[in-house]
Structure formats: C-alpha cells, structure tokens
Amino acid sequence: LLRLKDHHLELLGVEAVEQQQEILQDLLL
C-alpha cells in the first residue's frame, strides 16, 4: 500500500483523477 503510485491506482480500478489524488494524499500521510 505504501508503494502505490497513481498508475497503480488506475490499474486497480480507480480511474477518476480526483479520486486518485485523494487516495495519494492519504497514502502520503
């Protein structure tokens, strides 16, 4: 989980850029 990047999220089915950014911010925390 700590290693996920935006392209991984897209492959996991998170296609909306806004949702990817939200998840990436939470992952950064």
Full PDB file with SEQRES, HELIX, SHEET, SSBOND, CRYST1, ORIGX, SCALE, CONECT and MASTER records, all heavy atoms in Angstrom:
SEQRES   1 A   29  LEU LEU ARG LEU LYS ASP HIS HIS LEU GLU LEU LEU GLY          
SEQRES   2 A   29  VAL GLU ALA VAL GLU GLN GLN GLN GLU ILE LEU GLN ASP          
SEQRES   3 A   29  LEU LEU LEU                                                  
HELIX    1 AA1 ASP A    6  LEU A   11  1                                   6    
HELIX    2 AA2 VAL A   17  LEU A   28  1                                  12    
CRYST1    1.000    1.000    1.000  90.00  90.00  90.00 P 1           1          
ORIGX1      1.000000  0.000000  0.000000        0.00000                         
ORIGX2      0.000000  1.000000  0.000000        0.00000                         
ORIGX3      0.000000  0.000000  1.000000        0.00000                         
SCALE1      1.000000  0.000000  0.000000        0.00000                         
SCALE2      0.000000  1.000000  0.000000        0.00000                         
SCALE3      0.000000  0.000000  1.000000        0.00000                         
ATOM      1  N   LEU A   1       0.833  -1.208   0.000  1.00  0.00           N  
ATOM      2  CA  LEU A   1       0.000   0.000   0.000  1.00  0.00           C  
ATOM      3  C   LEU A   1       0.866   1.255   0.000  1.00  0.00           C  
ATOM      4  O   LEU A   1       0.598   2.210  -0.726  1.00  0.00           O  
ATOM      5  CB  LEU A   1      -0.921  -0.015   1.218  1.00  0.00           C  
ATOM      6  CG  LEU A   1      -1.905   1.135   1.361  1.00  0.00           C  
ATOM      7  CD1 LEU A   1      -2.990   1.055   0.290  1.00  0.00           C  
ATOM      8  CD2 LEU A   1      -2.533   1.119   2.750  1.00  0.00           C  
ATOM      9  N   LEU A   2       1.919   1.242   0.801  1.00  0.00           N  
ATOM     10  CA  LEU A   2       2.804   2.406   0.902  1.00  0.00           C  
ATOM     11  C   LEU A   2       3.560   2.685  -0.394  1.00  0.00           C  
ATOM     12  O   LEU A   2       4.059   3.788  -0.594  1.00  0.00           O  
ATOM     13  CB  LEU A   2       3.808   2.212   2.042  1.00  0.00           C  
ATOM     14  CG  LEU A   2       3.217   2.218   3.442  1.00  0.00           C  
ATOM     15  CD1 LEU A   2       4.272   1.816   4.461  1.00  0.00           C  
ATOM     16  CD2 LEU A   2       2.625   3.575   3.779  1.00  0.00           C  
ATOM     17  N   ARG A   3       3.620   1.716  -1.278  1.00  0.00           N  
ATOM     18  CA  ARG A   3       4.365   1.869  -2.537  1.00  0.00           C  
ATOM     19  C   ARG A   3       3.487   2.219  -3.737  1.00  0.00           C  
ATOM     20  O   ARG A   3       4.006   2.419  -4.842  1.00  0.00           O  
ATOM     21  CB  ARG A   3       5.127   0.585  -2.828  1.00  0.00           C  
ATOM     22  CG  ARG A   3       6.204   0.319  -1.819  1.00  0.00           C  
ATOM     23  CD  ARG A   3       6.990  -0.908  -2.175  1.00  0.00           C  
ATOM     24  NE  ARG A   3       8.095  -1.058  -1.250  1.00  0.00           N  
ATOM     25  CZ  ARG A   3       8.573  -2.217  -0.856  1.00  0.00           C  
ATOM     26  NH1 ARG A   3       8.049  -3.333  -1.307  1.00  0.00           N  
ATOM     27  NH2 ARG A   3       9.579  -2.279  -0.015  1.00  0.00           N  
ATOM     28  N   LEU A   4       2.174   2.283  -3.531  1.00  0.00           N  
ATOM     29  CA  LEU A   4       1.276   2.553  -4.651  1.00  0.00           C  
ATOM     30  C   LEU A   4       1.492   3.946  -5.229  1.00  0.00           C  
ATOM     31  O   LEU A   4       1.686   4.917  -4.500  1.00  0.00           O  
ATOM     32  CB  LEU A   4      -0.183   2.406  -4.227  1.00  0.00           C  
ATOM     33  CG  LEU A   4      -0.667   1.000  -3.895  1.00  0.00           C  
ATOM     34  CD1 LEU A   4      -2.126   1.032  -3.476  1.00  0.00           C  
ATOM     35  CD2 LEU A   4      -0.469   0.051  -5.065  1.00  0.00           C  
ATOM     36  N   LYS A   5       1.439   4.020  -6.547  1.00  0.00           N  
ATOM     37  CA  LYS A   5       1.532   5.281  -7.288  1.00  0.00           C  
ATOM     38  C   LYS A   5       0.246   5.449  -8.092  1.00  0.00           C  
ATOM     39  O   LYS A   5      -0.587   4.554  -8.147  1.00  0.00           O  
ATOM     40  CB  LYS A   5       2.731   5.254  -8.245  1.00  0.00           C  
ATOM     41  CG  LYS A   5       4.044   4.910  -7.597  1.00  0.00           C  
ATOM     42  CD  LYS A   5       4.614   6.085  -6.877  1.00  0.00           C  
ATOM     43  CE  LYS A   5       6.010   5.774  -6.384  1.00  0.00           C  
ATOM     44  NZ  LYS A   5       6.235   6.016  -5.017  1.00  0.00           N  
ATOM     45  N   ASP A   6       0.100   6.603  -8.745  1.00  0.00           N  
ATOM     46  CA  ASP A   6      -1.140   6.876  -9.476  1.00  0.00           C  
ATOM     47  C   ASP A   6      -1.438   5.834 -10.550  1.00  0.00           C  
ATOM     48  O   ASP A   6      -2.578   5.422 -10.714  1.00  0.00           O  
ATOM     49  CB  ASP A   6      -1.149   8.292 -10.053  1.00  0.00           C  
ATOM     50  CG  ASP A   6       0.046   8.602 -10.937  1.00  0.00           C  
ATOM     51  OD1 ASP A   6       1.017   7.818 -10.969  1.00  0.00           O  
ATOM     52  OD2 ASP A   6       0.005   9.647 -11.602  1.00  0.00           O  
ATOM     53  N   HIS A   7      -0.418   5.377 -11.278  1.00  0.00           N  
ATOM     54  CA  HIS A   7      -0.675   4.389 -12.326  1.00  0.00           C  
ATOM     55  C   HIS A   7      -1.125   3.050 -11.740  1.00  0.00           C  
ATOM     56  O   HIS A   7      -1.901   2.330 -12.365  1.00  0.00           O  
ATOM     57  CB  HIS A   7       0.532   4.225 -13.259  1.00  0.00           C  
ATOM     58  CG  HIS A   7       1.768   3.710 -12.595  1.00  0.00           C  
ATOM     59  ND1 HIS A   7       2.612   4.521 -11.856  1.00  0.00           N  
ATOM     60  CD2 HIS A   7       2.296   2.467 -12.545  1.00  0.00           C  
ATOM     61  CE1 HIS A   7       3.607   3.797 -11.395  1.00  0.00           C  
ATOM     62  NE2 HIS A   7       3.443   2.547 -11.788  1.00  0.00           N  
ATOM     63  N   HIS A   8      -0.680   2.739 -10.525  1.00  0.00           N  
ATOM     64  CA  HIS A   8      -1.163   1.524  -9.864  1.00  0.00           C  
ATOM     65  C   HIS A   8      -2.647   1.657  -9.527  1.00  0.00           C  
ATOM     66  O   HIS A   8      -3.413   0.701  -9.691  1.00  0.00           O  
ATOM     67  CB  HIS A   8      -0.389   1.259  -8.567  1.00  0.00           C  
ATOM     68  CG  HIS A   8       1.065   0.996  -8.756  1.00  0.00           C  
ATOM     69  ND1 HIS A   8       2.030   1.729  -8.118  1.00  0.00           N  
ATOM     70  CD2 HIS A   8       1.718   0.086  -9.523  1.00  0.00           C  
ATOM     71  CE1 HIS A   8       3.217   1.278  -8.466  1.00  0.00           C  
ATOM     72  NE2 HIS A   8       3.057   0.290  -9.323  1.00  0.00           N  
ATOM     73  N   LEU A   9      -3.016   2.836  -9.039  1.00  0.00           N  
ATOM     74  CA  LEU A   9      -4.429   3.051  -8.680  1.00  0.00           C  
ATOM     75  C   LEU A   9      -5.325   2.889  -9.902  1.00  0.00           C  
ATOM     76  O   LEU A   9      -6.407   2.310  -9.806  1.00  0.00           O  
ATOM     77  CB  LEU A   9      -4.608   4.437  -8.060  1.00  0.00           C  
ATOM     78  CG  LEU A   9      -3.923   4.642  -6.706  1.00  0.00           C  
ATOM     79  CD1 LEU A   9      -4.077   6.089  -6.267  1.00  0.00           C  
ATOM     80  CD2 LEU A   9      -4.489   3.701  -5.662  1.00  0.00           C  
ATOM     81  N   GLU A  10      -4.871   3.382 -11.035  1.00  0.00           N  
ATOM     82  CA  GLU A  10      -5.655   3.240 -12.260  1.00  0.00           C  
ATOM     83  C   GLU A  10      -5.812   1.758 -12.622  1.00  0.00           C  
ATOM     84  O   GLU A  10      -6.904   1.309 -12.970  1.00  0.00           O  
ATOM     85  CB  GLU A  10      -4.987   4.000 -13.405  1.00  0.00           C  
ATOM     86  CG  GLU A  10      -5.859   4.122 -14.623  1.00  0.00           C  
ATOM     87  CD  GLU A  10      -5.288   5.063 -15.653  1.00  0.00           C  
ATOM     88  OE1 GLU A  10      -4.377   5.852 -15.340  1.00  0.00           O  
ATOM     89  OE2 GLU A  10      -5.775   5.010 -16.799  1.00  0.00           O  
ATOM     90  N   LEU A  11      -4.730   1.005 -12.492  1.00  0.00           N  
ATOM     91  CA  LEU A  11      -4.795  -0.429 -12.770  1.00  0.00           C  
ATOM     92  C   LEU A  11      -5.703  -1.166 -11.788  1.00  0.00           C  
ATOM     93  O   LEU A  11      -6.289  -2.195 -12.129  1.00  0.00           O  
ATOM     94  CB  LEU A  11      -3.392  -1.042 -12.723  1.00  0.00           C  
ATOM     95  CG  LEU A  11      -2.438  -0.624 -13.836  1.00  0.00           C  
ATOM     96  CD1 LEU A  11      -1.033  -1.126 -13.554  1.00  0.00           C  
ATOM     97  CD2 LEU A  11      -2.935  -1.118 -15.186  1.00  0.00           C  
ATOM     98  N   LEU A  12      -5.832  -0.609 -10.575  1.00  0.00           N  
ATOM     99  CA  LEU A  12      -6.691  -1.213  -9.559  1.00  0.00           C  
ATOM    100  C   LEU A  12      -8.155  -0.815  -9.717  1.00  0.00           C  
ATOM    101  O   LEU A  12      -9.003  -1.241  -8.944  1.00  0.00           O  
ATOM    102  CB  LEU A  12      -6.206  -0.837  -8.160  1.00  0.00           C  
ATOM    103  CG  LEU A  12      -4.840  -1.399  -7.765  1.00  0.00           C  
ATOM    104  CD1 LEU A  12      -4.407  -0.845  -6.424  1.00  0.00           C  
ATOM    105  CD2 LEU A  12      -4.849  -2.915  -7.749  1.00  0.00           C  
ATOM    106  N   GLY A  13      -8.451   0.031 -10.714  1.00  0.00           N  
ATOM    107  CA  GLY A  13      -9.827   0.403 -10.989  1.00  0.00           C  
ATOM    108  C   GLY A  13     -10.228   1.789 -10.536  1.00  0.00           C  
ATOM    109  O   GLY A  13     -11.386   2.175 -10.679  1.00  0.00           O  
ATOM    110  N   VAL A  14      -9.294   2.557  -9.991  1.00  0.00           N  
ATOM    111  CA  VAL A  14      -9.585   3.938  -9.589  1.00  0.00           C  
ATOM    112  C   VAL A  14      -9.237   4.818 -10.779  1.00  0.00           C  
ATOM    113  O   VAL A  14      -8.083   5.193 -10.974  1.00  0.00           O  
ATOM    114  CB  VAL A  14      -8.771   4.356  -8.337  1.00  0.00           C  
ATOM    115  CG1 VAL A  14      -9.116   5.779  -7.929  1.00  0.00           C  
ATOM    116  CG2 VAL A  14      -9.000   3.391  -7.201  1.00  0.00           C  
ATOM    117  N   GLU A  15     -10.232   5.140 -11.585  1.00  0.00           N  
ATOM    118  CA  GLU A  15      -9.986   5.844 -12.839  1.00  0.00           C  
ATOM    119  C   GLU A  15     -10.086   7.358 -12.715  1.00  0.00           C  
ATOM    120  O   GLU A  15      -9.404   8.081 -13.427  1.00  0.00           O  
ATOM    121  CB  GLU A  15     -10.940   5.324 -13.917  1.00  0.00           C  
ATOM    122  CG  GLU A  15     -10.697   3.845 -14.215  1.00  0.00           C  
ATOM    123  CD  GLU A  15     -11.703   3.269 -15.186  1.00  0.00           C  
ATOM    124  OE1 GLU A  15     -12.619   3.988 -15.617  1.00  0.00           O  
ATOM    125  OE2 GLU A  15     -11.570   2.081 -15.506  1.00  0.00           O  
ATOM    126  N   ALA A  16     -10.918   7.853 -11.803  1.00  0.00           N  
ATOM    127  CA  ALA A  16     -11.097   9.292 -11.660  1.00  0.00           C  
ATOM    128  C   ALA A  16      -9.833   9.916 -11.062  1.00  0.00           C  
ATOM    129  O   ALA A  16      -9.361   9.494 -10.000  1.00  0.00           O  
ATOM    130  CB  ALA A  16     -12.305   9.603 -10.781  1.00  0.00           C  
ATOM    131  N   VAL A  17      -9.308  10.912 -11.739  1.00  0.00           N  
ATOM    132  CA  VAL A  17      -8.080  11.575 -11.297  1.00  0.00           C  
ATOM    133  C   VAL A  17      -8.257  12.180  -9.911  1.00  0.00           C  
ATOM    134  O   VAL A  17      -7.353  12.106  -9.071  1.00  0.00           O  
ATOM    135  CB  VAL A  17      -7.638  12.643 -12.325  1.00  0.00           C  
ATOM    136  CG1 VAL A  17      -6.445  13.433 -11.817  1.00  0.00           C  
ATOM    137  CG2 VAL A  17      -7.323  11.991 -13.660  1.00  0.00           C  
ATOM    138  N   GLU A  18      -9.433  12.757  -9.649  1.00  0.00           N  
ATOM    139  CA  GLU A  18      -9.684  13.364  -8.342  1.00  0.00           C  
ATOM    140  C   GLU A  18      -9.607  12.314  -7.233  1.00  0.00           C  
ATOM    141  O   GLU A  18      -9.049  12.563  -6.163  1.00  0.00           O  
ATOM    142  CB  GLU A  18     -11.058  14.053  -8.299  1.00  0.00           C  
ATOM    143  CG  GLU A  18     -11.263  15.135  -9.334  1.00  0.00           C  
ATOM    144  CD  GLU A  18     -11.656  14.589 -10.710  1.00  0.00           C  
ATOM    145  OE1 GLU A  18     -12.180  13.450 -10.799  1.00  0.00           O  
ATOM    146  OE2 GLU A  18     -11.415  15.292 -11.699  1.00  0.00           O  
ATOM    147  N   GLN A  19     -10.171  11.144  -7.489  1.00  0.00           N  
ATOM    148  CA  GLN A  19     -10.145  10.063  -6.501  1.00  0.00           C  
ATOM    149  C   GLN A  19      -8.711   9.566  -6.310  1.00  0.00           C  
ATOM    150  O   GLN A  19      -8.293   9.289  -5.185  1.00  0.00           O  
ATOM    151  CB  GLN A  19     -11.056   8.912  -6.935  1.00  0.00           C  
ATOM    152  CG  GLN A  19     -11.143   7.795  -5.923  1.00  0.00           C  
ATOM    153  CD  GLN A  19     -11.800   8.220  -4.622  1.00  0.00           C  
ATOM    154  OE1 GLN A  19     -12.663   9.066  -4.605  1.00  0.00           O  
ATOM    155  NE2 GLN A  19     -11.371   7.624  -3.526  1.00  0.00           N  
ATOM    156  N   GLN A  20      -7.970   9.448  -7.412  1.00  0.00           N  
ATOM    157  CA  GLN A  20      -6.566   9.045  -7.308  1.00  0.00           C  
ATOM    158  C   GLN A  20      -5.795  10.020  -6.438  1.00  0.00           C  
ATOM    159  O   GLN A  20      -5.006   9.607  -5.576  1.00  0.00           O  
ATOM    160  CB  GLN A  20      -5.918   8.981  -8.686  1.00  0.00           C  
ATOM    161  CG  GLN A  20      -6.389   7.847  -9.552  1.00  0.00           C  
ATOM    162  CD  GLN A  20      -5.749   7.867 -10.930  1.00  0.00           C  
ATOM    163  OE1 GLN A  20      -4.793   8.592 -11.172  1.00  0.00           O  
ATOM    164  NE2 GLN A  20      -6.293   7.074 -11.837  1.00  0.00           N  
ATOM    165  N   GLN A  21      -6.017  11.319  -6.655  1.00  0.00           N  
ATOM    166  CA  GLN A  21      -5.308  12.338  -5.882  1.00  0.00           C  
ATOM    167  C   GLN A  21      -5.666  12.262  -4.395  1.00  0.00           C  
ATOM    168  O   GLN A  21      -4.803  12.403  -3.531  1.00  0.00           O  
ATOM    169  CB  GLN A  21      -5.600  13.739  -6.435  1.00  0.00           C  
ATOM    170  CG  GLN A  21      -4.998  13.990  -7.803  1.00  0.00           C  
ATOM    171  CD  GLN A  21      -3.494  13.765  -7.827  1.00  0.00           C  
ATOM    172  OE1 GLN A  21      -2.782  14.229  -6.955  1.00  0.00           O  
ATOM    173  NE2 GLN A  21      -3.021  13.050  -8.829  1.00  0.00           N  
ATOM    174  N   GLU A  22      -6.939  12.030  -4.110  1.00  0.00           N  
ATOM    175  CA  GLU A  22      -7.379  11.906  -2.720  1.00  0.00           C  
ATOM    176  C   GLU A  22      -6.686  10.722  -2.048  1.00  0.00           C  
ATOM    177  O   GLU A  22      -6.171  10.830  -0.921  1.00  0.00           O  
ATOM    178  CB  GLU A  22      -8.897  11.741  -2.658  1.00  0.00           C  
ATOM    179  CG  GLU A  22      -9.437  11.623  -1.261  1.00  0.00           C  
ATOM    180  CD  GLU A  22     -10.943  11.398  -1.221  1.00  0.00           C  
ATOM    181  OE1 GLU A  22     -11.613  11.481  -2.274  1.00  0.00           O  
ATOM    182  OE2 GLU A  22     -11.448  11.128  -0.126  1.00  0.00           O  
ATOM    183  N   ILE A  23      -6.657   9.593  -2.745  1.00  0.00           N  
ATOM    184  CA  ILE A  23      -6.011   8.403  -2.194  1.00  0.00           C  
ATOM    185  C   ILE A  23      -4.517   8.634  -2.028  1.00  0.00           C  
ATOM    186  O   ILE A  23      -3.935   8.280  -0.999  1.00  0.00           O  
ATOM    187  CB  ILE A  23      -6.298   7.169  -3.078  1.00  0.00           C  
ATOM    188  CG1 ILE A  23      -7.791   6.815  -3.011  1.00  0.00           C  
ATOM    189  CG2 ILE A  23      -5.437   5.981  -2.652  1.00  0.00           C  
ATOM    190  CD1 ILE A  23      -8.228   5.750  -3.988  1.00  0.00           C  
ATOM    191  N   LEU A  24      -3.887   9.255  -3.021  1.00  0.00           N  
ATOM    192  CA  LEU A  24      -2.447   9.517  -2.938  1.00  0.00           C  
ATOM    193  C   LEU A  24      -2.113  10.444  -1.771  1.00  0.00           C  
ATOM    194  O   LEU A  24      -1.085  10.265  -1.104  1.00  0.00           O  
ATOM    195  CB  LEU A  24      -1.928  10.086  -4.257  1.00  0.00           C  
ATOM    196  CG  LEU A  24      -1.897   9.093  -5.424  1.00  0.00           C  
ATOM    197  CD1 LEU A  24      -1.581   9.818  -6.726  1.00  0.00           C  
ATOM    198  CD2 LEU A  24      -0.905   7.971  -5.165  1.00  0.00           C  
ATOM    199  N   GLN A  25      -2.974  11.421  -1.505  1.00  0.00           N  
ATOM    200  CA  GLN A  25      -2.753  12.301  -0.354  1.00  0.00           C  
ATOM    201  C   GLN A  25      -2.853  11.512   0.956  1.00  0.00           C  
ATOM    202  O   GLN A  25      -2.032  11.695   1.862  1.00  0.00           O  
ATOM    203  CB  GLN A  25      -3.766  13.443  -0.350  1.00  0.00           C  
ATOM    204  CG  GLN A  25      -3.464  14.500  -1.388  1.00  0.00           C  
ATOM    205  CD  GLN A  25      -4.512  15.597  -1.427  1.00  0.00           C  
ATOM    206  OE1 GLN A  25      -5.572  15.493  -0.811  1.00  0.00           O  
ATOM    207  NE2 GLN A  25      -4.223  16.662  -2.153  1.00  0.00           N  
ATOM    208  N   ASP A  26      -3.843  10.634   1.034  1.00  0.00           N  
ATOM    209  CA  ASP A  26      -3.980   9.810   2.236  1.00  0.00           C  
ATOM    210  C   ASP A  26      -2.799   8.850   2.386  1.00  0.00           C  
ATOM    211  O   ASP A  26      -2.322   8.600   3.497  1.00  0.00           O  
ATOM    212  CB  ASP A  26      -5.296   9.039   2.216  1.00  0.00           C  
ATOM    213  CG  ASP A  26      -6.494   9.946   2.412  1.00  0.00           C  
ATOM    214  OD1 ASP A  26      -6.336  11.047   2.979  1.00  0.00           O  
ATOM    215  OD2 ASP A  26      -7.598   9.556   2.004  1.00  0.00           O  
ATOM    216  N   LEU A  27      -2.316   8.323   1.261  1.00  0.00           N  
ATOM    217  CA  LEU A  27      -1.149   7.444   1.304  1.00  0.00           C  
ATOM    218  C   LEU A  27       0.091   8.211   1.746  1.00  0.00           C  
ATOM    219  O   LEU A  27       0.934   7.673   2.479  1.00  0.00           O  
ATOM    220  CB  LEU A  27      -0.907   6.790  -0.051  1.00  0.00           C  
ATOM    221  CG  LEU A  27      -1.924   5.731  -0.474  1.00  0.00           C  
ATOM    222  CD1 LEU A  27      -1.618   5.225  -1.873  1.00  0.00           C  
ATOM    223  CD2 LEU A  27      -1.977   4.589   0.519  1.00  0.00           C  
ATOM    224  N   LEU A  28       0.199   9.468   1.329  1.00  0.00           N  
ATOM    225  CA  LEU A  28       1.326  10.292   1.767  1.00  0.00           C  
ATOM    226  C   LEU A  28       1.309  10.471   3.282  1.00  0.00           C  
ATOM    227  O   LEU A  28       2.350  10.372   3.948  1.00  0.00           O  
ATOM    228  CB  LEU A  28       1.305  11.645   1.059  1.00  0.00           C  
ATOM    229  CG  LEU A  28       2.453  12.590   1.396  1.00  0.00           C  
ATOM    230  CD1 LEU A  28       3.804  11.967   1.079  1.00  0.00           C  
ATOM    231  CD2 LEU A  28       2.279  13.899   0.640  1.00  0.00           C  
ATOM    232  N   LEU A  29       0.123  10.681   3.840  1.00  0.00           N  
ATOM    233  CA  LEU A  29       0.009  10.786   5.303  1.00  0.00           C  
ATOM    234  C   LEU A  29       0.427   9.483   5.983  1.00  0.00           C  
ATOM    235  O   LEU A  29       1.105   9.507   7.016  1.00  0.00           O  
ATOM    236  CB  LEU A  29      -1.417  11.153   5.697  1.00  0.00           C  
ATOM    237  CG  LEU A  29      -1.886  12.554   5.313  1.00  0.00           C  
ATOM    238  CD1 LEU A  29      -3.366  12.722   5.637  1.00  0.00           C  
ATOM    239  CD2 LEU A  29      -1.057  13.610   6.007  1.00  0.00           C  
TER     240      LEU A  29                                                      
MASTER        0    0    0    2    0    0    0    6  239    1    0    3          
END                                                                             
